[in-house]
Amino acid sequence: MEGLHTALSLLTGSAILLFEYTGVGVIIATGIMGIMRCLRRDPATRLQLAKGMALGLEFKLGSEILRTVIVREFREIWLVGAIILLRASLTLLIHWEIKNEERTAETTSPE
């Protein structure tokens, strides 16, 4: 039984790191592309930045959800829960911003 617990902890820890690094990588890449789009005065810059940040945050949210599997103390559950709540709130806010930007783009685009 101890071997299974060790294997689960190792697998979960590796997946958490993978999701964390992927989320950070997506956010960094989106930021760099956003700078380039901004310099070119692309009108879709804000929308693309918001979509990239939302994707990166969702990877990071996935890592926090996985982190609940290896939590051992009740105090850690509160901390992980607070982080999940914060990241979920940010994701919802960004998705709201994306919808508004898409609506604005639809109404201002020449037809």
Protein backbone atom coordinates (compact mmCIF):
# COMPACT_ATOMS: atom_id res chain seq x y z
CA MET A 1 0.00 0.00 0.00
CA GLU A 2 2.88 2.36 0.77
CA GLY A 3 4.27 1.76 -2.71
CA LEU A 4 0.98 2.81 -4.32
CA HIS A 5 0.90 5.97 -2.20
CA THR A 6 4.46 6.80 -3.23
CA ALA A 7 3.65 6.17 -6.90
CA LEU A 8 0.54 8.37 -6.68
CA SER A 9 2.51 11.16 -5.03
CA LEU A 10 5.24 10.95 -7.66
CA LEU A 11 2.77 10.92 -10.56
CA THR A 12 0.70 13.74 -9.09
CA GLY A 13 3.78 15.84 -8.30
CA SER A 14 5.08 15.41 -11.84
CA ALA A 15 1.72 16.34 -13.36
CA ILE A 16 1.49 19.41 -11.09
CA LEU A 17 4.91 20.60 -12.26
CA LEU A 18 4.02 19.93 -15.91
CA PHE A 19 0.79 21.92 -15.65
CA GLU A 20 2.46 24.76 -13.72
CA TYR A 21 5.28 25.10 -16.25
CA THR A 22 2.86 24.81 -19.17
CA GLY A 23 0.66 27.55 -17.72
CA VAL A 24 3.61 29.84 -17.12
CA GLY A 25 4.95 29.12 -20.62
CA VAL A 26 1.59 29.93 -22.21
CA ILE A 27 1.34 33.21 -20.28
CA ILE A 28 4.91 34.23 -21.19
CA ALA A 29 4.43 33.33 -24.87
CA THR A 30 1.13 35.20 -24.95
CA GLY A 31 2.76 38.25 -23.36
CA ILE A 32 5.57 38.27 -25.92
CA MET A 33 3.12 37.89 -28.81
CA GLY A 34 0.99 40.63 -27.24
CA ILE A 35 3.94 43.01 -27.22
CA MET A 36 4.61 42.27 -30.89
CA ARG A 37 0.92 42.76 -31.78
CA CYS A 38 0.82 45.99 -29.79
CA LEU A 39 3.84 47.34 -31.67
CA ARG A 40 2.06 46.51 -34.94
CA ARG A 41 -1.08 48.22 -33.60
CA ASP A 42 -3.20 45.10 -34.11
CA PRO A 43 -6.75 45.85 -32.93
CA ALA A 44 -7.21 42.25 -31.72
CA THR A 45 -4.32 42.50 -29.23
CA ARG A 46 -6.47 42.74 -26.11
CA LEU A 47 -8.63 39.81 -27.16
CA GLN A 48 -5.64 37.59 -27.93
CA LEU A 49 -3.96 38.55 -24.66
CA ALA A 50 -7.10 37.72 -22.69
CA LYS A 51 -7.49 34.34 -24.42
CA GLY A 52 -3.85 33.44 -23.78
CA MET A 53 -4.03 34.45 -20.12
CA ALA A 54 -7.23 32.46 -19.68
CA LEU A 55 -5.59 29.37 -21.16
CA GLY A 56 -2.50 29.76 -18.98
CA LEU A 57 -4.62 30.23 -15.87
CA GLU A 58 -6.63 27.13 -16.67
CA PHE A 59 -3.44 25.04 -16.74
CA LYS A 60 -2.44 26.54 -13.40
CA LEU A 61 -5.92 25.88 -12.01
CA GLY A 62 -5.58 22.26 -13.09
CA SER A 63 -2.34 21.98 -11.15
CA GLU A 64 -4.03 23.35 -8.02
CA ILE A 65 -6.86 20.85 -8.35
CA LEU A 66 -4.30 18.05 -8.61
CA ARG A 67 -2.55 19.46 -5.56
CA THR A 68 -5.65 18.60 -3.49
CA VAL A 69 -4.83 14.91 -4.06
CA ILE A 70 -1.59 15.15 -2.08
CA VAL A 71 -2.73 17.54 0.66
CA ARG A 72 -2.15 16.02 4.10
CA GLU A 73 -3.18 18.73 6.56
CA PHE A 74 -6.43 20.63 6.91
CA ARG A 75 -4.53 23.93 6.90
CA GLU A 76 -3.17 23.09 3.45
CA ILE A 77 -6.70 22.41 2.20
CA TRP A 78 -7.69 25.97 3.10
CA LEU A 79 -4.66 27.37 1.31
CA VAL A 80 -5.19 25.29 -1.83
CA GLY A 81 -8.92 26.11 -1.73
CA ALA A 82 -8.18 29.82 -1.53
CA ILE A 83 -5.76 29.59 -4.47
CA ILE A 84 -8.32 27.64 -6.52
CA LEU A 85 -10.99 30.23 -5.71
CA LEU A 86 -8.68 33.09 -6.69
CA ARG A 87 -7.60 31.49 -9.96
CA ALA A 88 -11.16 30.50 -10.85
CA SER A 89 -12.30 34.07 -10.19
CA LEU A 90 -9.54 35.43 -12.41
CA THR A 91 -10.46 32.97 -15.15
CA LEU A 92 -14.14 33.98 -14.98
CA LEU A 93 -13.20 37.65 -15.09
CA ILE A 94 -10.98 37.10 -18.12
CA HIS A 95 -13.69 35.09 -19.89
CA TRP A 96 -16.13 37.94 -19.21
CA GLU A 97 -13.61 40.36 -20.70
CA ILE A 98 -13.19 38.09 -23.75
CA LYS A 99 -16.96 38.05 -24.36
CA ASN A 100 -17.10 41.85 -24.10
CA GLU A 101 -14.15 42.26 -26.48
CA GLU A 102 -15.73 39.85 -28.98
CA ARG A 103 -19.04 41.72 -28.77
CA THR A 104 -17.25 45.04 -29.29
CA ALA A 105 -15.30 43.62 -32.24
CA GLU A 106 -18.52 42.34 -33.84
CA THR A 107 -20.32 45.67 -33.53
CA THR A 108 -17.39 47.76 -34.78
CA SER A 109 -16.28 45.51 -37.65
CA PRO A 110 -17.16 46.74 -41.14
CA GLU A 111 -19.76 44.59 -42.85
